[in-house]
């Protein structure tokens, strides 16, 4: 009975299969319809646990995929910034060379 009290304190409410797990089998047999009901409850619980595990795995995979996509997006953005900076540097360098060329032409003409 102490175990039953502890179980109730832990869960607040328990069903017949949980009571049977705590107290053990009844001293007299259950009706066949009750046995079938208990088996159905157990089957449902197992299916729900399997579904919950599958859902958790799916959610975890979705989170991993989202993180990978975010990482790839950041890498792509960084590469775009590098290209942009490189292009800007090249453009600036070309402008400097152009100005120097013009300056050299003017100096030669004078």
Foldseek 3Di string as FASTA:
>chain_A
DVQVVVVCVVPVDDDDVVVCVRPPDDPDDDDPVVVVVVVVVVVVVVVVVVVVVVVVVVVVVVVVVVVVVVVVVVVVVVVVVVVVVVVVVVVVVVVVVVVVVVVVVVVVVD
